[in-house]
Amino acid sequence: MSDTAATWRADERPMLDAFLDDYRAELRGALGGLTEEQARRSLVPSLTTLLGLVKHATFVELAWFDEGITFRPRADFGFASSVEESFTLTDDDTIASVLERYDAVCEASRQRIAPMALDDLILGNSRGPISLRWVVIHCIAEIAQHAGHADILREQVLAAGQAPIVH
């Protein structure tokens, strides 16, 4: 979380918004300084790659802060229709294009929820009405988890380009 005393003493909403923004920045930062090949490198049996994690996080933002609030169907996103598909990279996906889309979607999420109160209900979710508070906390947890995945994948990607450490 932002390392300022003002944030430590903030009311709940600014504090939650700061946590979410910090984890968004951590996740996007995992791509910093990588080549396109490194960002796409698959090191686990799933579709998870560093670039795929950010693309998936874009899907998360769209599902919770767009579909859930506006009732706009996923088909209108011009994006993945399922969680699994949201990790899939196309030939057109680059670090720049994925980050540009992620940044735009995150900004749209911020704007969409800005006038809302934490107790306001998100009605466009298949689970039924859920408070904005629950959605924001859920997204903090999910983006933080993926930022952690990205830290480990980045470490593995960078280590693969170095000589092995001999003990």
C-alpha atoms as a PDB file:
ATOM      1  CA  MET A   1       0.000   0.000   0.000  1.00  0.00           C
ATOM      2  CA  SER A   2       1.106   3.557  -0.566  1.00  0.00           C
ATOM      3  CA  ASP A   3       3.671   4.396   2.067  1.00  0.00           C
ATOM      4  CA  THR A   4       2.204   7.617   3.346  1.00  0.00           C
ATOM      5  CA  ALA A   5       0.901   8.301   6.821  1.00  0.00           C
ATOM      6  CA  ALA A   6      -2.193   9.916   5.289  1.00  0.00           C
ATOM      7  CA  THR A   7      -3.106   6.619   3.625  1.00  0.00           C
ATOM      8  CA  TRP A   8      -2.527   4.680   6.839  1.00  0.00           C
ATOM      9  CA  ARG A   9      -5.155   6.819   8.571  1.00  0.00           C
ATOM     10  CA  ALA A  10      -7.530   7.163   5.622  1.00  0.00           C
ATOM     11  CA  ASP A  11     -11.187   6.324   5.726  1.00  0.00           C
ATOM     12  CA  GLU A  12     -12.125   2.893   4.429  1.00  0.00           C
ATOM     13  CA  ARG A  13     -12.885   3.843   0.819  1.00  0.00           C
ATOM     14  CA  PRO A  14      -9.648   5.716   0.032  1.00  0.00           C
ATOM     15  CA  MET A  15      -7.724   2.967   1.799  1.00  0.00           C
ATOM     16  CA  LEU A  16      -9.362   0.198  -0.262  1.00  0.00           C
ATOM     17  CA  ASP A  17      -8.895   2.197  -3.474  1.00  0.00           C
ATOM     18  CA  ALA A  18      -5.198   2.689  -2.616  1.00  0.00           C
ATOM     19  CA  PHE A  19      -4.683  -1.024  -1.941  1.00  0.00           C
ATOM     20  CA  LEU A  20      -6.313  -1.947  -5.252  1.00  0.00           C
ATOM     21  CA  ASP A  21      -4.272   0.619  -7.191  1.00  0.00           C
ATOM     22  CA  ASP A  22      -1.046  -0.500  -5.534  1.00  0.00           C
ATOM     23  CA  TYR A  23      -1.634  -4.136  -6.488  1.00  0.00           C
ATOM     24  CA  ARG A  24      -2.580  -3.101 -10.021  1.00  0.00           C
ATOM     25  CA  ALA A  25       0.749  -1.262 -10.236  1.00  0.00           C
ATOM     26  CA  GLU A  26       2.649  -4.245  -8.804  1.00  0.00           C
ATOM     27  CA  LEU A  27       1.139  -6.564 -11.403  1.00  0.00           C
ATOM     28  CA  ARG A  28       1.803  -4.252 -14.361  1.00  0.00           C
ATOM     29  CA  GLY A  29       5.308  -3.583 -13.038  1.00  0.00           C
ATOM     30  CA  ALA A  30       6.192  -7.271 -13.388  1.00  0.00           C
ATOM     31  CA  LEU A  31       6.447  -6.692 -17.154  1.00  0.00           C
ATOM     32  CA  GLY A  32       8.952  -3.849 -16.796  1.00  0.00           C
ATOM     33  CA  GLY A  33      12.172  -4.332 -18.727  1.00  0.00           C
ATOM     34  CA  LEU A  34      11.178  -7.708 -20.181  1.00  0.00           C
ATOM     35  CA  THR A  35      11.393  -8.735 -23.807  1.00  0.00           C
ATOM     36  CA  GLU A  36       8.282  -9.891 -25.617  1.00  0.00           C
ATOM     37  CA  GLU A  37       9.601 -13.461 -25.466  1.00  0.00           C
ATOM     38  CA  GLN A  38      10.188 -13.265 -21.717  1.00  0.00           C
ATOM     39  CA  ALA A  39       6.709 -11.869 -21.104  1.00  0.00           C
ATOM     40  CA  ARG A  40       5.196 -14.771 -23.082  1.00  0.00           C
ATOM     41  CA  ARG A  41       7.414 -17.513 -21.678  1.00  0.00           C
ATOM     42  CA  SER A  42       5.441 -20.412 -20.233  1.00  0.00           C
ATOM     43  CA  LEU A  43       7.009 -21.912 -17.117  1.00  0.00           C
ATOM     44  CA  VAL A  44       4.015 -23.773 -15.695  1.00  0.00           C
ATOM     45  CA  PRO A  45       1.627 -26.344 -17.208  1.00  0.00           C
ATOM     46  CA  SER A  46      -1.298 -23.871 -17.298  1.00  0.00           C
ATOM     47  CA  LEU A  47      -1.739 -20.945 -19.698  1.00  0.00           C
ATOM     48  CA  THR A  48      -0.196 -18.641 -17.093  1.00  0.00           C
ATOM     49  CA  THR A  49       2.513 -16.306 -18.392  1.00  0.00           C
ATOM     50  CA  LEU A  50       3.488 -12.854 -17.207  1.00  0.00           C
ATOM     51  CA  LEU A  51       1.709 -11.219 -20.129  1.00  0.00           C
ATOM     52  CA  GLY A  52      -1.240 -13.585 -19.709  1.00  0.00           C
ATOM     53  CA  LEU A  53      -1.602 -12.590 -16.048  1.00  0.00           C
ATOM     54  CA  VAL A  54      -2.029  -8.934 -16.985  1.00  0.00           C
ATOM     55  CA  LYS A  55      -4.427  -9.862 -19.776  1.00  0.00           C
ATOM     56  CA  HIS A  56      -6.414 -11.953 -17.277  1.00  0.00           C
ATOM     57  CA  ALA A  57      -6.443  -9.049 -14.786  1.00  0.00           C
ATOM     58  CA  THR A  58      -8.021  -6.933 -17.534  1.00  0.00           C
ATOM     59  CA  PHE A  59     -10.754  -9.557 -17.785  1.00  0.00           C
ATOM     60  CA  VAL A  60     -11.206  -9.437 -13.987  1.00  0.00           C
ATOM     61  CA  GLU A  61     -11.660  -5.658 -14.087  1.00  0.00           C
ATOM     62  CA  LEU A  62     -14.154  -5.931 -16.933  1.00  0.00           C
ATOM     63  CA  ALA A  63     -16.145  -8.715 -15.279  1.00  0.00           C
ATOM     64  CA  TRP A  64     -16.486  -7.028 -11.892  1.00  0.00           C
ATOM     65  CA  PHE A  65     -16.461  -3.303 -12.638  1.00  0.00           C
ATOM     66  CA  ASP A  66     -18.097  -3.267 -16.069  1.00  0.00           C
ATOM     67  CA  GLU A  67     -20.295  -6.326 -16.576  1.00  0.00           C
ATOM     68  CA  GLY A  68     -21.311  -6.353 -12.905  1.00  0.00           C
ATOM     69  CA  ILE A  69     -22.277  -2.682 -12.872  1.00  0.00           C
ATOM     70  CA  THR A  70     -23.495  -1.950 -16.405  1.00  0.00           C
ATOM     71  CA  PHE A  71     -24.989  -5.393 -17.224  1.00  0.00           C
ATOM     72  CA  ARG A  72     -23.078  -5.196 -20.502  1.00  0.00           C
ATOM     73  CA  PRO A  73     -22.501  -8.765 -21.735  1.00  0.00           C
ATOM     74  CA  ARG A  74     -18.955 -10.089 -22.087  1.00  0.00           C
ATOM     75  CA  ALA A  75     -19.436 -10.402 -25.839  1.00  0.00           C
ATOM     76  CA  ASP A  76     -19.516  -6.578 -25.958  1.00  0.00           C
ATOM     77  CA  PHE A  77     -16.036  -6.360 -24.397  1.00  0.00           C
ATOM     78  CA  GLY A  78     -14.332  -7.684 -27.503  1.00  0.00           C
ATOM     79  CA  PHE A  79     -12.447  -9.825 -25.045  1.00  0.00           C
ATOM     80  CA  ALA A  80     -12.401 -13.282 -23.482  1.00  0.00           C
ATOM     81  CA  SER A  81     -15.712 -14.888 -22.641  1.00  0.00           C
ATOM     82  CA  SER A  82     -14.306 -17.185 -19.927  1.00  0.00           C
ATOM     83  CA  VAL A  83     -11.672 -17.122 -17.202  1.00  0.00           C
ATOM     84  CA  GLU A  84      -9.561 -19.755 -18.968  1.00  0.00           C
ATOM     85  CA  GLU A  85      -9.718 -17.900 -22.279  1.00  0.00           C
ATOM     86  CA  SER A  86      -8.668 -14.656 -20.564  1.00  0.00           C
ATOM     87  CA  PHE A  87      -5.096 -15.984 -20.205  1.00  0.00           C
ATOM     88  CA  THR A  88      -4.793 -16.827 -23.909  1.00  0.00           C
ATOM     89  CA  LEU A  89      -2.408 -14.636 -25.860  1.00  0.00           C
ATOM     90  CA  THR A  90      -2.875 -13.812 -29.529  1.00  0.00           C
ATOM     91  CA  ASP A  91      -0.189 -12.837 -32.025  1.00  0.00           C
ATOM     92  CA  ASP A  92      -1.381  -9.226 -31.671  1.00  0.00           C
ATOM     93  CA  ASP A  93      -0.791  -9.148 -27.904  1.00  0.00           C
ATOM     94  CA  THR A  94       2.355  -7.253 -27.002  1.00  0.00           C
ATOM     95  CA  ILE A  95       3.569  -5.862 -23.704  1.00  0.00           C
ATOM     96  CA  ALA A  96       2.582  -2.382 -24.886  1.00  0.00           C
ATOM     97  CA  SER A  97      -0.869  -3.375 -26.171  1.00  0.00           C
ATOM     98  CA  VAL A  98      -1.790  -5.461 -23.117  1.00  0.00           C
ATOM     99  CA  LEU A  99      -0.618  -2.744 -20.715  1.00  0.00           C
ATOM    100  CA  GLU A 100      -2.454  -0.066 -22.695  1.00  0.00           C
ATOM    101  CA  ARG A 101      -5.692  -2.034 -22.493  1.00  0.00           C
ATOM    102  CA  TYR A 102      -5.144  -2.856 -18.804  1.00  0.00           C
ATOM    103  CA  ASP A 103      -4.479   0.782 -17.932  1.00  0.00           C
ATOM    104  CA  ALA A 104      -7.557   1.958 -19.859  1.00  0.00           C
ATOM    105  CA  VAL A 105      -9.803  -0.665 -18.264  1.00  0.00           C
ATOM    106  CA  CYS A 106      -8.479   0.125 -14.766  1.00  0.00           C
ATOM    107  CA  GLU A 107      -9.123   3.829 -15.320  1.00  0.00           C
ATOM    108  CA  ALA A 108     -12.653   3.054 -16.549  1.00  0.00           C
ATOM    109  CA  SER A 109     -13.155   0.936 -13.408  1.00  0.00           C
ATOM    110  CA  ARG A 110     -12.017   3.815 -11.195  1.00  0.00           C
ATOM    111  CA  GLN A 111     -14.386   6.218 -12.952  1.00  0.00           C
ATOM    112  CA  ARG A 112     -17.291   3.777 -12.844  1.00  0.00           C
ATOM    113  CA  ILE A 113     -17.079   3.143  -9.099  1.00  0.00           C
ATOM    114  CA  ALA A 114     -16.062   6.676  -8.034  1.00  0.00           C
ATOM    115  CA  PRO A 115     -19.639   7.895  -7.488  1.00  0.00           C
ATOM    116  CA  MET A 116     -20.648   4.681  -5.742  1.00  0.00           C
ATOM    117  CA  ALA A 117     -20.676   4.000  -2.001  1.00  0.00           C
ATOM    118  CA  LEU A 118     -19.188   0.800  -0.602  1.00  0.00           C
ATOM    119  CA  ASP A 119     -22.661  -0.356   0.470  1.00  0.00           C
ATOM    120  CA  ASP A 120     -24.098   0.112  -3.042  1.00  0.00           C
ATOM    121  CA  LEU A 121     -25.078  -3.145  -4.667  1.00  0.00           C
ATOM    122  CA  ILE A 122     -23.546  -4.594  -7.821  1.00  0.00           C
ATOM    123  CA  LEU A 123     -26.529  -6.206  -9.498  1.00  0.00           C
ATOM    124  CA  GLY A 124     -25.078  -7.674 -12.687  1.00  0.00           C
ATOM    125  CA  ASN A 125     -23.311 -10.629 -11.091  1.00  0.00           C
ATOM    126  CA  SER A 126     -24.529 -14.203 -11.427  1.00  0.00           C
ATOM    127  CA  ARG A 127     -24.230 -14.623  -7.636  1.00  0.00           C
ATOM    128  CA  GLY A 128     -26.913 -12.003  -7.143  1.00  0.00           C
ATOM    129  CA  PRO A 129     -26.606  -8.590  -5.494  1.00  0.00           C
ATOM    130  CA  ILE A 130     -23.149  -8.025  -3.977  1.00  0.00           C
ATOM    131  CA  SER A 131     -21.938  -4.878  -2.250  1.00  0.00           C
ATOM    132  CA  LEU A 132     -19.275  -2.764  -3.904  1.00  0.00           C
ATOM    133  CA  ARG A 133     -17.235  -3.309  -0.718  1.00  0.00           C
ATOM    134  CA  TRP A 134     -17.223  -7.082  -1.334  1.00  0.00           C
ATOM    135  CA  VAL A 135     -16.289  -6.603  -4.992  1.00  0.00           C
ATOM    136  CA  VAL A 136     -13.416  -4.217  -4.211  1.00  0.00           C
ATOM    137  CA  ILE A 137     -12.055  -6.509  -1.478  1.00  0.00           C
ATOM    138  CA  HIS A 138     -12.403  -9.512  -3.794  1.00  0.00           C
ATOM    139  CA  CYS A 139     -10.514  -7.670  -6.548  1.00  0.00           C
ATOM    140  CA  ILE A 140      -7.786  -6.594  -4.119  1.00  0.00           C
ATOM    141  CA  ALA A 141      -7.314 -10.242  -3.144  1.00  0.00           C
ATOM    142  CA  GLU A 142      -7.336 -11.475  -6.737  1.00  0.00           C
ATOM    143  CA  ILE A 143      -4.981  -8.837  -8.130  1.00  0.00           C
ATOM    144  CA  ALA A 144      -2.643  -9.265  -5.135  1.00  0.00           C
ATOM    145  CA  GLN A 145      -2.580 -13.023  -5.726  1.00  0.00           C
ATOM    146  CA  HIS A 146      -1.738 -12.517  -9.399  1.00  0.00           C
ATOM    147  CA  ALA A 147       0.929  -9.934  -8.515  1.00  0.00           C
ATOM    148  CA  GLY A 148       2.508 -12.605  -6.319  1.00  0.00           C
ATOM    149  CA  HIS A 149       2.344 -15.117  -9.155  1.00  0.00           C
ATOM    150  CA  ALA A 150       3.956 -12.517 -11.408  1.00  0.00           C
ATOM    151  CA  ASP A 151       6.801 -11.917  -8.936  1.00  0.00           C
ATOM    152  CA  ILE A 152       7.661 -15.614  -8.944  1.00  0.00           C
ATOM    153  CA  LEU A 153       7.324 -15.992 -12.721  1.00  0.00           C
ATOM    154  CA  ARG A 154       9.470 -12.899 -13.288  1.00  0.00           C
ATOM    155  CA  GLU A 155      12.153 -14.283 -10.992  1.00  0.00           C
ATOM    156  CA  GLN A 156      12.106 -17.554 -12.936  1.00  0.00           C
ATOM    157  CA  VAL A 157      12.195 -15.805 -16.308  1.00  0.00           C
ATOM    158  CA  LEU A 158      15.126 -13.613 -15.310  1.00  0.00           C
ATOM    159  CA  ALA A 159      17.000 -16.521 -13.710  1.00  0.00           C
ATOM    160  CA  ALA A 160      16.637 -18.560 -16.909  1.00  0.00           C
ATOM    161  CA  GLY A 161      18.849 -16.037 -18.690  1.00  0.00           C
ATOM    162  CA  GLN A 162      21.660 -16.303 -16.140  1.00  0.00           C
ATOM    163  CA  ALA A 163      24.289 -18.917 -15.421  1.00  0.00           C
ATOM    164  CA  PRO A 164      23.247 -21.362 -12.689  1.00  0.00           C
ATOM    165  CA  ILE A 165      24.346 -20.573  -9.161  1.00  0.00           C
ATOM    166  CA  VAL A 166      26.873 -23.114  -7.875  1.00  0.00           C
ATOM    167  CA  HIS A 167      26.907 -23.768  -4.144  1.00  0.00           C
END
